[in-house]
Amino acid sequence: MTQTATDSLTKAFALTNMTQTATDTLTSRDFRSYQHDSDSHRQSDLQRLFF
């Protein structure tokens, strides 16, 4: 079970890194702030999941 959670986190972080790279190619400030908001929500979802 721990391994599954670790794998899921690894995939989530890989996805986040890919998204960040895509975001970096864009200069829209609105999109950046939207992306930051969704990252914050994702972080709180992970915290709720594990704590």
PDB file of N, CA and C in Angstrom:
ATOM      1  N   MET A   1       0.830  -1.199   0.000  1.00  0.00           N
ATOM      2  CA  MET A   1       0.000   0.000   0.000  1.00  0.00           C
ATOM      3  C   MET A   1       0.874   1.262   0.000  1.00  0.00           C
ATOM      4  N   THR A   2       1.917   1.224   0.806  1.00  0.00           N
ATOM      5  CA  THR A   2       2.829   2.367   0.818  1.00  0.00           C
ATOM      6  C   THR A   2       3.463   2.559  -0.555  1.00  0.00           C
ATOM      7  N   GLN A   3       3.811   1.443  -1.191  1.00  0.00           N
ATOM      8  CA  GLN A   3       4.427   1.517  -2.521  1.00  0.00           C
ATOM      9  C   GLN A   3       3.462   2.146  -3.522  1.00  0.00           C
ATOM     10  N   THR A   4       2.196   1.763  -3.442  1.00  0.00           N
ATOM     11  CA  THR A   4       1.192   2.326  -4.350  1.00  0.00           C
ATOM     12  C   THR A   4       1.067   3.827  -4.142  1.00  0.00           C
ATOM     13  N   ALA A   5       1.044   4.248  -2.881  1.00  0.00           N
ATOM     14  CA  ALA A   5       0.953   5.682  -2.588  1.00  0.00           C
ATOM     15  C   ALA A   5       2.180   6.410  -3.112  1.00  0.00           C
ATOM     16  N   THR A   6       3.345   5.802  -2.941  1.00  0.00           N
ATOM     17  CA  THR A   6       4.581   6.414  -3.434  1.00  0.00           C
ATOM     18  C   THR A   6       4.560   6.537  -4.944  1.00  0.00           C
ATOM     19  N   ASP A   7       4.108   5.494  -5.628  1.00  0.00           N
ATOM     20  CA  ASP A   7       4.010   5.529  -7.087  1.00  0.00           C
ATOM     21  C   ASP A   7       3.046   6.616  -7.543  1.00  0.00           C
ATOM     22  N   SER A   8       1.932   6.742  -6.851  1.00  0.00           N
ATOM     23  CA  SER A   8       0.946   7.755  -7.205  1.00  0.00           C
ATOM     24  C   SER A   8       1.527   9.149  -7.026  1.00  0.00           C
ATOM     25  N   LEU A   9       2.261   9.362  -5.921  1.00  0.00           N
ATOM     26  CA  LEU A   9       2.887  10.656  -5.692  1.00  0.00           C
ATOM     27  C   LEU A   9       3.938  10.956  -6.755  1.00  0.00           C
ATOM     28  N   THR A  10       4.720   9.951  -7.105  1.00  0.00           N
ATOM     29  CA  THR A  10       5.751  10.136  -8.128  1.00  0.00           C
ATOM     30  C   THR A  10       5.114  10.560  -9.446  1.00  0.00           C
ATOM     31  N   LYS A  11       4.021   9.905  -9.819  1.00  0.00           N
ATOM     32  CA  LYS A  11       3.319  10.254 -11.053  1.00  0.00           C
ATOM     33  C   LYS A  11       2.730  11.666 -10.953  1.00  0.00           C
ATOM     34  N   ALA A  12       2.190  12.001  -9.795  1.00  0.00           N
ATOM     35  CA  ALA A  12       1.599  13.331  -9.616  1.00  0.00           C
ATOM     36  C   ALA A  12       2.669  14.407  -9.760  1.00  0.00           C
ATOM     37  N   PHE A  13       3.842  14.174  -9.168  1.00  0.00           N
ATOM     38  CA  PHE A  13       4.908  15.166  -9.266  1.00  0.00           C
ATOM     39  C   PHE A  13       5.443  15.262 -10.687  1.00  0.00           C
ATOM     40  N   ALA A  14       5.536  14.128 -11.374  1.00  0.00           N
ATOM     41  CA  ALA A  14       5.978  14.146 -12.770  1.00  0.00           C
ATOM     42  C   ALA A  14       4.999  14.951 -13.617  1.00  0.00           C
ATOM     43  N   LEU A  15       3.719  14.750 -13.367  1.00  0.00           N
ATOM     44  CA  LEU A  15       2.691  15.482 -14.093  1.00  0.00           C
ATOM     45  C   LEU A  15       2.777  16.978 -13.786  1.00  0.00           C
ATOM     46  N   THR A  16       2.997  17.297 -12.518  1.00  0.00           N
ATOM     47  CA  THR A  16       3.136  18.694 -12.119  1.00  0.00           C
ATOM     48  C   THR A  16       4.324  19.339 -12.816  1.00  0.00           C
ATOM     49  N   ASN A  17       5.435  18.618 -12.884  1.00  0.00           N
ATOM     50  CA  ASN A  17       6.623  19.148 -13.552  1.00  0.00           C
ATOM     51  C   ASN A  17       6.369  19.380 -15.031  1.00  0.00           C
ATOM     52  N   MET A  18       5.657  18.464 -15.680  1.00  0.00           N
ATOM     53  CA  MET A  18       5.317  18.628 -17.087  1.00  0.00           C
ATOM     54  C   MET A  18       4.423  19.846 -17.271  1.00  0.00           C
ATOM     55  N   THR A  19       3.453  19.985 -16.384  1.00  0.00           N
ATOM     56  CA  THR A  19       2.534  21.118 -16.455  1.00  0.00           C
ATOM     57  C   THR A  19       3.292  22.422 -16.255  1.00  0.00           C
ATOM     58  N   GLN A  20       4.240  22.421 -15.312  1.00  0.00           N
ATOM     59  CA  GLN A  20       5.029  23.612 -15.040  1.00  0.00           C
ATOM     60  C   GLN A  20       5.838  24.013 -16.270  1.00  0.00           C
ATOM     61  N   THR A  21       6.402  23.032 -16.952  1.00  0.00           N
ATOM     62  CA  THR A  21       7.178  23.309 -18.161  1.00  0.00           C
ATOM     63  C   THR A  21       6.285  23.930 -19.227  1.00  0.00           C
ATOM     64  N   ALA A  22       5.089  23.375 -19.383  1.00  0.00           N
ATOM     65  CA  ALA A  22       4.145  23.923 -20.359  1.00  0.00           C
ATOM     66  C   ALA A  22       3.745  25.341 -19.963  1.00  0.00           C
ATOM     67  N   THR A  23       3.548  25.556 -18.679  1.00  0.00           N
ATOM     68  CA  THR A  23       3.160  26.880 -18.194  1.00  0.00           C
ATOM     69  C   THR A  23       4.281  27.886 -18.441  1.00  0.00           C
ATOM     70  N   ASP A  24       5.513  27.443 -18.273  1.00  0.00           N
ATOM     71  CA  ASP A  24       6.653  28.339 -18.461  1.00  0.00           C
ATOM     72  C   ASP A  24       6.759  28.845 -19.894  1.00  0.00           C
ATOM     73  N   THR A  25       6.223  28.099 -20.849  1.00  0.00           N
ATOM     74  CA  THR A  25       6.294  28.539 -22.235  1.00  0.00           C
ATOM     75  C   THR A  25       5.236  29.605 -22.524  1.00  0.00           C
ATOM     76  N   LEU A  26       4.305  29.780 -21.611  1.00  0.00           N
ATOM     77  CA  LEU A  26       3.258  30.781 -21.792  1.00  0.00           C
ATOM     78  C   LEU A  26       3.582  32.023 -20.971  1.00  0.00           C
ATOM     79  N   THR A  27       3.185  33.174 -21.462  1.00  0.00           N
ATOM     80  CA  THR A  27       3.486  34.398 -20.732  1.00  0.00           C
ATOM     81  C   THR A  27       2.236  35.027 -20.126  1.00  0.00           C
ATOM     82  N   SER A  28       1.095  34.373 -20.322  1.00  0.00           N
ATOM     83  CA  SER A  28      -0.150  34.923 -19.799  1.00  0.00           C
ATOM     84  C   SER A  28      -0.148  34.910 -18.283  1.00  0.00           C
ATOM     85  N   ARG A  29      -0.245  36.067 -17.674  1.00  0.00           N
ATOM     86  CA  ARG A  29      -0.231  36.166 -16.220  1.00  0.00           C
ATOM     87  C   ARG A  29      -1.493  35.542 -15.626  1.00  0.00           C
ATOM     88  N   ASP A  30      -2.612  35.698 -16.306  1.00  0.00           N
ATOM     89  CA  ASP A  30      -3.862  35.108 -15.821  1.00  0.00           C
ATOM     90  C   ASP A  30      -3.746  33.596 -15.740  1.00  0.00           C
ATOM     91  N   PHE A  31      -3.159  33.008 -16.780  1.00  0.00           N
ATOM     92  CA  PHE A  31      -3.021  31.555 -16.774  1.00  0.00           C
ATOM     93  C   PHE A  31      -2.088  31.109 -15.651  1.00  0.00           C
ATOM     94  N   ARG A  32      -1.023  31.860 -15.422  1.00  0.00           N
ATOM     95  CA  ARG A  32      -0.095  31.512 -14.349  1.00  0.00           C
ATOM     96  C   ARG A  32      -0.796  31.543 -12.985  1.00  0.00           C
ATOM     97  N   SER A  33      -1.576  32.556 -12.737  1.00  0.00           N
ATOM     98  CA  SER A  33      -2.253  32.634 -11.440  1.00  0.00           C
ATOM     99  C   SER A  33      -3.287  31.518 -11.306  1.00  0.00           C
ATOM    100  N   TYR A  34      -3.957  31.195 -12.418  1.00  0.00           N
ATOM    101  CA  TYR A  34      -4.899  30.074 -12.403  1.00  0.00           C
ATOM    102  C   TYR A  34      -4.165  28.771 -12.100  1.00  0.00           C
ATOM    103  N   GLN A  35      -3.025  28.574 -12.733  1.00  0.00           N
ATOM    104  CA  GLN A  35      -2.244  27.361 -12.515  1.00  0.00           C
ATOM    105  C   GLN A  35      -1.790  27.275 -11.062  1.00  0.00           C
ATOM    106  N   HIS A  36      -1.379  28.398 -10.506  1.00  0.00           N
ATOM    107  CA  HIS A  36      -0.938  28.425  -9.112  1.00  0.00           C
ATOM    108  C   HIS A  36      -2.092  28.027  -8.183  1.00  0.00           C
ATOM    109  N   ASP A  37      -3.285  28.526  -8.471  1.00  0.00           N
ATOM    110  CA  ASP A  37      -4.457  28.176  -7.663  1.00  0.00           C
ATOM    111  C   ASP A  37      -4.728  26.676  -7.726  1.00  0.00           C
ATOM    112  N   SER A  38      -4.671  26.097  -8.915  1.00  0.00           N
ATOM    113  CA  SER A  38      -4.967  24.678  -9.048  1.00  0.00           C
ATOM    114  C   SER A  38      -3.885  23.843  -8.364  1.00  0.00           C
ATOM    115  N   ASP A  39      -2.631  24.305  -8.402  1.00  0.00           N
ATOM    116  CA  ASP A  39      -1.558  23.601  -7.688  1.00  0.00           C
ATOM    117  C   ASP A  39      -1.821  23.622  -6.191  1.00  0.00           C
ATOM    118  N   SER A  40      -2.278  24.749  -5.674  1.00  0.00           N
ATOM    119  CA  SER A  40      -2.579  24.860  -4.246  1.00  0.00           C
ATOM    120  C   SER A  40      -3.703  23.900  -3.862  1.00  0.00           C
ATOM    121  N   HIS A  41      -4.721  23.807  -4.706  1.00  0.00           N
ATOM    122  CA  HIS A  41      -5.826  22.885  -4.430  1.00  0.00           C
ATOM    123  C   HIS A  41      -5.336  21.440  -4.445  1.00  0.00           C
ATOM    124  N   ARG A  42      -4.472  21.134  -5.409  1.00  0.00           N
ATOM    125  CA  ARG A  42      -3.949  19.777  -5.516  1.00  0.00           C
ATOM    126  C   ARG A  42      -3.135  19.445  -4.264  1.00  0.00           C
ATOM    127  N   GLN A  43      -2.347  20.406  -3.789  1.00  0.00           N
ATOM    128  CA  GLN A  43      -1.542  20.195  -2.585  1.00  0.00           C
ATOM    129  C   GLN A  43      -2.438  19.909  -1.381  1.00  0.00           C
ATOM    130  N   SER A  44      -3.505  20.684  -1.210  1.00  0.00           N
ATOM    131  CA  SER A  44      -4.390  20.458  -0.069  1.00  0.00           C
ATOM    132  C   SER A  44      -5.130  19.126  -0.202  1.00  0.00           C
ATOM    133  N   ASP A  45      -5.437  18.717  -1.445  1.00  0.00           N
ATOM    134  CA  ASP A  45      -6.058  17.407  -1.662  1.00  0.00           C
ATOM    135  C   ASP A  45      -5.119  16.297  -1.214  1.00  0.00           C
ATOM    136  N   LEU A  46      -3.835  16.428  -1.547  1.00  0.00           N
ATOM    137  CA  LEU A  46      -2.857  15.420  -1.131  1.00  0.00           C
ATOM    138  C   LEU A  46      -2.746  15.388   0.388  1.00  0.00           C
ATOM    139  N   GLN A  47      -2.737  16.552   1.009  1.00  0.00           N
ATOM    140  CA  GLN A  47      -2.628  16.603   2.467  1.00  0.00           C
ATOM    141  C   GLN A  47      -3.850  15.967   3.120  1.00  0.00           C
ATOM    142  N   ARG A  48      -5.021  16.226   2.560  1.00  0.00           N
ATOM    143  CA  ARG A  48      -6.242  15.647   3.102  1.00  0.00           C
ATOM    144  C   ARG A  48      -6.208  14.124   2.958  1.00  0.00           C
ATOM    145  N   LEU A  49      -5.606  13.663   1.863  1.00  0.00           N
ATOM    146  CA  LEU A  49      -5.547  12.236   1.588  1.00  0.00           C
ATOM    147  C   LEU A  49      -4.671  11.503   2.601  1.00  0.00           C
ATOM    148  N   PHE A  50      -3.566  12.120   2.998  1.00  0.00           N
ATOM    149  CA  PHE A  50      -2.595  11.415   3.822  1.00  0.00           C
ATOM    150  C   PHE A  50      -2.640  11.772   5.301  1.00  0.00           C
ATOM    151  N   PHE A  51      -3.339  12.859   5.660  1.00  0.00           N
ATOM    152  CA  PHE A  51      -3.288  13.257   7.083  1.00  0.00           C
ATOM    153  C   PHE A  51      -4.661  13.269   7.717  1.00  0.00           C
TER     154      PHE A  51
END
